[in-house]
Amino acid sequence: MNKLKRFWRHLTTTRASGQRAFPRKVLDEIQKTIAQGETLHRAEVRMIIEPALPLGDILDGMHPRARARELFSDYRLWDTEENSGVLIYLDLADHQVEIIADRGVGRLVQAGEWQAICETMIRQLQRGAYRDGAIAALEQLNALLHMKLPANGQRPNQLSDKPIIL
């Protein structure tokens, strides 16, 4: 029964659902928060919001973590000078958040620290506070990255700060 419910959620959660949850103004705020954070640390942060997984992936039993890893690769978040790419992936239909970090950042941060950021966002998502959840999670992420990988002068922005809705 859970597989059927999940399939139905992904079938009925559309791109328009993603755009209602994250309108242009909110996406602009997310982009600004990412850009501001990247002045404090050396990581390169991307946020990808996927309203629903492709139905073939649902039928194959794909989980949000596997999808996040796939997107990390597809969007070349591993292709930064310090191997410092960080993906915050939101599976809107499942209300799941995953963080995938390249090795330059991943070895500095404990799994529980990433999980705390995900839980911050999930709690807000469950209340329908999409904007608040995204901004709170990004602020928490920026503070953590500032501690673990502080900025050391000006550097070029290697990945776009613009969030993506698939």
C-alpha atoms as a PDB file:
ATOM      1  CA  MET A   1       0.000   0.000   0.000  1.00  0.00           C
ATOM      2  CA  ASN A   2       2.835   2.457   0.785  1.00  0.00           C
ATOM      3  CA  LYS A   3       4.271   1.973  -2.719  1.00  0.00           C
ATOM      4  CA  LEU A   4       0.904   2.815  -4.214  1.00  0.00           C
ATOM      5  CA  LYS A   5       0.573   5.944  -2.028  1.00  0.00           C
ATOM      6  CA  ARG A   6       4.057   7.058  -2.981  1.00  0.00           C
ATOM      7  CA  PHE A   7       3.350   6.455  -6.664  1.00  0.00           C
ATOM      8  CA  TRP A   8       0.145   8.491  -6.375  1.00  0.00           C
ATOM      9  CA  ARG A   9       1.927  11.382  -4.584  1.00  0.00           C
ATOM     10  CA  HIS A  10       4.532  11.543  -7.333  1.00  0.00           C
ATOM     11  CA  LEU A  11       1.924  11.250 -10.056  1.00  0.00           C
ATOM     12  CA  THR A  12      -0.101  14.147  -8.657  1.00  0.00           C
ATOM     13  CA  THR A  13       2.749  16.453  -7.615  1.00  0.00           C
ATOM     14  CA  THR A  14       3.529  18.514 -10.690  1.00  0.00           C
ATOM     15  CA  ARG A  15       5.992  21.200 -11.700  1.00  0.00           C
ATOM     16  CA  ALA A  16       3.206  23.687 -10.982  1.00  0.00           C
ATOM     17  CA  SER A  17       3.116  22.343  -7.408  1.00  0.00           C
ATOM     18  CA  GLY A  18       6.807  23.146  -7.133  1.00  0.00           C
ATOM     19  CA  GLN A  19       6.294  26.638  -8.522  1.00  0.00           C
ATOM     20  CA  ARG A  20       3.435  27.296  -6.072  1.00  0.00           C
ATOM     21  CA  ALA A  21       5.577  26.134  -3.140  1.00  0.00           C
ATOM     22  CA  PHE A  22       8.603  28.081  -4.420  1.00  0.00           C
ATOM     23  CA  PRO A  23       7.441  31.128  -6.387  1.00  0.00           C
ATOM     24  CA  ARG A  24       9.980  33.388  -8.118  1.00  0.00           C
ATOM     25  CA  LYS A  25      10.285  35.691  -5.075  1.00  0.00           C
ATOM     26  CA  VAL A  26      11.199  32.766  -2.820  1.00  0.00           C
ATOM     27  CA  LEU A  27      13.668  31.401  -5.374  1.00  0.00           C
ATOM     28  CA  ASP A  28      15.299  34.839  -5.466  1.00  0.00           C
ATOM     29  CA  GLU A  29      15.577  34.812  -1.644  1.00  0.00           C
ATOM     30  CA  ILE A  30      17.131  31.346  -1.758  1.00  0.00           C
ATOM     31  CA  GLN A  31      19.632  32.489  -4.371  1.00  0.00           C
ATOM     32  CA  LYS A  32      20.541  35.533  -2.265  1.00  0.00           C
ATOM     33  CA  THR A  33      21.000  33.377   0.859  1.00  0.00           C
ATOM     34  CA  ILE A  34      23.286  30.993  -1.029  1.00  0.00           C
ATOM     35  CA  ALA A  35      25.333  33.890  -2.441  1.00  0.00           C
ATOM     36  CA  GLN A  36      25.662  35.563   0.962  1.00  0.00           C
ATOM     37  CA  GLY A  37      26.714  32.276   2.540  1.00  0.00           C
ATOM     38  CA  GLU A  38      29.398  31.721  -0.060  1.00  0.00           C
ATOM     39  CA  THR A  39      31.081  34.928   1.106  1.00  0.00           C
ATOM     40  CA  LEU A  40      31.563  33.241   4.503  1.00  0.00           C
ATOM     41  CA  HIS A  41      32.848  29.841   3.371  1.00  0.00           C
ATOM     42  CA  ARG A  42      34.632  28.159   0.472  1.00  0.00           C
ATOM     43  CA  ALA A  43      31.916  25.645  -0.417  1.00  0.00           C
ATOM     44  CA  GLU A  44      29.787  25.906  -3.552  1.00  0.00           C
ATOM     45  CA  VAL A  45      26.120  25.339  -2.710  1.00  0.00           C
ATOM     46  CA  ARG A  46      23.280  24.380  -5.065  1.00  0.00           C
ATOM     47  CA  MET A  47      19.662  23.706  -4.249  1.00  0.00           C
ATOM     48  CA  ILE A  48      17.604  21.474  -6.510  1.00  0.00           C
ATOM     49  CA  ILE A  49      13.882  21.133  -5.918  1.00  0.00           C
ATOM     50  CA  GLU A  50      12.184  18.233  -7.607  1.00  0.00           C
ATOM     51  CA  PRO A  51       8.398  18.255  -7.298  1.00  0.00           C
ATOM     52  CA  ALA A  52       8.215  14.534  -8.111  1.00  0.00           C
ATOM     53  CA  LEU A  53      10.574  11.831  -9.234  1.00  0.00           C
ATOM     54  CA  PRO A  54      10.140  10.445 -12.730  1.00  0.00           C
ATOM     55  CA  LEU A  55       7.518   7.704 -12.527  1.00  0.00           C
ATOM     56  CA  GLY A  56       9.902   5.102 -13.945  1.00  0.00           C
ATOM     57  CA  ASP A  57      12.250   5.810 -11.039  1.00  0.00           C
ATOM     58  CA  ILE A  58       9.375   5.412  -8.579  1.00  0.00           C
ATOM     59  CA  LEU A  59       8.449   2.069 -10.116  1.00  0.00           C
ATOM     60  CA  ASP A  60      12.105   1.021  -9.839  1.00  0.00           C
ATOM     61  CA  GLY A  61      12.040   1.921  -6.133  1.00  0.00           C
ATOM     62  CA  MET A  62      14.486   4.831  -6.341  1.00  0.00           C
ATOM     63  CA  HIS A  63      14.929   6.661  -3.067  1.00  0.00           C
ATOM     64  CA  PRO A  64      15.601  10.389  -2.720  1.00  0.00           C
ATOM     65  CA  ARG A  65      19.241   9.823  -1.667  1.00  0.00           C
ATOM     66  CA  ALA A  66      19.992   7.918  -4.873  1.00  0.00           C
ATOM     67  CA  ARG A  67      18.276  10.622  -6.925  1.00  0.00           C
ATOM     68  CA  ALA A  68      20.275  13.319  -5.136  1.00  0.00           C
ATOM     69  CA  ARG A  69      23.519  11.511  -5.951  1.00  0.00           C
ATOM     70  CA  GLU A  70      22.460  11.260  -9.583  1.00  0.00           C
ATOM     71  CA  LEU A  71      21.719  14.987  -9.756  1.00  0.00           C
ATOM     72  CA  PHE A  72      24.972  15.835  -7.950  1.00  0.00           C
ATOM     73  CA  SER A  73      26.761  14.134 -10.807  1.00  0.00           C
ATOM     74  CA  ASP A  74      24.508  15.415 -13.597  1.00  0.00           C
ATOM     75  CA  TYR A  75      24.927  19.042 -12.495  1.00  0.00           C
ATOM     76  CA  ARG A  76      28.683  18.553 -11.996  1.00  0.00           C
ATOM     77  CA  LEU A  77      28.741  19.696  -8.391  1.00  0.00           C
ATOM     78  CA  TRP A  78      31.911  17.673  -7.998  1.00  0.00           C
ATOM     79  CA  ASP A  79      33.667  19.949 -10.488  1.00  0.00           C
ATOM     80  CA  THR A  80      35.008  22.642  -8.133  1.00  0.00           C
ATOM     81  CA  GLU A  81      38.552  23.632  -7.374  1.00  0.00           C
ATOM     82  CA  GLU A  82      38.509  22.442  -3.746  1.00  0.00           C
ATOM     83  CA  ASN A  83      36.031  19.595  -4.281  1.00  0.00           C
ATOM     84  CA  SER A  84      33.649  21.680  -2.227  1.00  0.00           C
ATOM     85  CA  GLY A  85      30.289  21.249  -3.968  1.00  0.00           C
ATOM     86  CA  VAL A  86      27.255  20.794  -1.726  1.00  0.00           C
ATOM     87  CA  LEU A  87      23.810  19.857  -3.001  1.00  0.00           C
ATOM     88  CA  ILE A  88      20.642  20.391  -1.009  1.00  0.00           C
ATOM     89  CA  TYR A  89      18.060  18.251  -2.759  1.00  0.00           C
ATOM     90  CA  LEU A  90      14.360  18.501  -1.978  1.00  0.00           C
ATOM     91  CA  ASP A  91      11.989  15.753  -3.106  1.00  0.00           C
ATOM     92  CA  LEU A  92       8.746  17.676  -2.681  1.00  0.00           C
ATOM     93  CA  ALA A  93       6.353  14.739  -3.141  1.00  0.00           C
ATOM     94  CA  ASP A  94       8.089  12.714  -0.414  1.00  0.00           C
ATOM     95  CA  HIS A  95       8.974  15.741   1.770  1.00  0.00           C
ATOM     96  CA  GLN A  96      12.525  14.424   1.864  1.00  0.00           C
ATOM     97  CA  VAL A  97      15.700  16.484   1.965  1.00  0.00           C
ATOM     98  CA  GLU A  98      19.119  15.096   1.137  1.00  0.00           C
ATOM     99  CA  ILE A  99      22.506  16.749   1.290  1.00  0.00           C
ATOM    100  CA  ILE A 100      25.297  15.419  -0.895  1.00  0.00           C
ATOM    101  CA  ALA A 101      28.748  16.913  -0.384  1.00  0.00           C
ATOM    102  CA  ASP A 102      31.929  16.470  -2.357  1.00  0.00           C
ATOM    103  CA  ARG A 103      34.920  15.005  -0.565  1.00  0.00           C
ATOM    104  CA  GLY A 104      36.574  18.350   0.207  1.00  0.00           C
ATOM    105  CA  VAL A 105      33.622  19.274   2.408  1.00  0.00           C
ATOM    106  CA  GLY A 106      32.237  15.855   3.265  1.00  0.00           C
ATOM    107  CA  ARG A 107      35.261  14.777   5.249  1.00  0.00           C
ATOM    108  CA  LEU A 108      34.970  17.863   7.473  1.00  0.00           C
ATOM    109  CA  VAL A 109      31.306  17.462   8.436  1.00  0.00           C
ATOM    110  CA  GLN A 110      29.740  14.662  10.463  1.00  0.00           C
ATOM    111  CA  ALA A 111      26.640  12.871   9.163  1.00  0.00           C
ATOM    112  CA  GLY A 112      24.614  14.111  12.135  1.00  0.00           C
ATOM    113  CA  GLU A 113      25.400  17.715  11.240  1.00  0.00           C
ATOM    114  CA  TRP A 114      24.044  17.247   7.723  1.00  0.00           C
ATOM    115  CA  GLN A 115      21.009  15.419   9.127  1.00  0.00           C
ATOM    116  CA  ALA A 116      20.219  18.288  11.508  1.00  0.00           C
ATOM    117  CA  ILE A 117      20.017  20.658   8.533  1.00  0.00           C
ATOM    118  CA  CYS A 118      17.731  18.251   6.664  1.00  0.00           C
ATOM    119  CA  GLU A 119      15.469  17.924   9.720  1.00  0.00           C
ATOM    120  CA  THR A 120      15.223  21.715  10.046  1.00  0.00           C
ATOM    121  CA  MET A 121      13.868  21.901   6.514  1.00  0.00           C
ATOM    122  CA  ILE A 122      11.618  18.844   6.797  1.00  0.00           C
ATOM    123  CA  ARG A 123       9.896  20.196   9.935  1.00  0.00           C
ATOM    124  CA  GLN A 124       8.989  23.369   8.055  1.00  0.00           C
ATOM    125  CA  LEU A 125       7.905  21.482   4.921  1.00  0.00           C
ATOM    126  CA  GLN A 126       5.487  19.394   6.958  1.00  0.00           C
ATOM    127  CA  ARG A 127       3.823  22.634   8.075  1.00  0.00           C
ATOM    128  CA  GLY A 128       3.720  23.972   4.535  1.00  0.00           C
ATOM    129  CA  ALA A 129       6.345  26.639   5.320  1.00  0.00           C
ATOM    130  CA  TYR A 130       8.461  26.007   2.230  1.00  0.00           C
ATOM    131  CA  ARG A 131      10.217  29.376   2.143  1.00  0.00           C
ATOM    132  CA  ASP A 132      10.980  29.373   5.869  1.00  0.00           C
ATOM    133  CA  GLY A 133      12.301  25.819   5.719  1.00  0.00           C
ATOM    134  CA  ALA A 134      14.610  26.498   2.791  1.00  0.00           C
ATOM    135  CA  ILE A 135      15.995  29.736   4.246  1.00  0.00           C
ATOM    136  CA  ALA A 136      16.454  28.256   7.735  1.00  0.00           C
ATOM    137  CA  ALA A 137      18.253  25.210   6.328  1.00  0.00           C
ATOM    138  CA  LEU A 138      20.516  27.375   4.164  1.00  0.00           C
ATOM    139  CA  GLU A 139      21.365  29.669   7.072  1.00  0.00           C
ATOM    140  CA  GLN A 140      22.178  26.645   9.214  1.00  0.00           C
ATOM    141  CA  LEU A 141      24.271  25.187   6.382  1.00  0.00           C
ATOM    142  CA  ASN A 142      26.119  28.478   5.855  1.00  0.00           C
ATOM    143  CA  ALA A 143      26.964  28.731   9.568  1.00  0.00           C
ATOM    144  CA  LEU A 144      28.238  25.139   9.607  1.00  0.00           C
ATOM    145  CA  LEU A 145      30.331  25.628   6.473  1.00  0.00           C
ATOM    146  CA  HIS A 146      31.713  28.883   7.855  1.00  0.00           C
ATOM    147  CA  MET A 147      33.007  26.918  10.857  1.00  0.00           C
ATOM    148  CA  LYS A 148      34.347  23.977   8.866  1.00  0.00           C
ATOM    149  CA  LEU A 149      35.567  25.629   5.660  1.00  0.00           C
ATOM    150  CA  PRO A 150      35.870  29.388   6.280  1.00  0.00           C
ATOM    151  CA  ALA A 151      36.460  31.833   3.467  1.00  0.00           C
ATOM    152  CA  ASN A 152      40.059  32.841   2.940  1.00  0.00           C
ATOM    153  CA  GLY A 153      39.764  35.810   0.639  1.00  0.00           C
ATOM    154  CA  GLN A 154      37.936  36.477  -2.584  1.00  0.00           C
ATOM    155  CA  ARG A 155      37.426  33.649  -5.035  1.00  0.00           C
ATOM    156  CA  PRO A 156      35.365  33.144  -8.169  1.00  0.00           C
ATOM    157  CA  ASN A 157      31.885  31.671  -7.919  1.00  0.00           C
ATOM    158  CA  GLN A 158      32.275  28.273  -9.580  1.00  0.00           C
ATOM    159  CA  LEU A 159      28.639  27.108  -9.553  1.00  0.00           C
ATOM    160  CA  SER A 160      25.476  29.094 -10.059  1.00  0.00           C
ATOM    161  CA  ASP A 161      23.698  30.111  -6.846  1.00  0.00           C
ATOM    162  CA  LYS A 162      20.342  29.964  -8.608  1.00  0.00           C
ATOM    163  CA  PRO A 163      18.057  27.222  -7.262  1.00  0.00           C
ATOM    164  CA  ILE A 164      16.621  24.804  -9.782  1.00  0.00           C
ATOM    165  CA  ILE A 165      13.087  23.456  -9.978  1.00  0.00           C
ATOM    166  CA  LEU A 166      13.072  20.379 -12.183  1.00  0.00           C
END
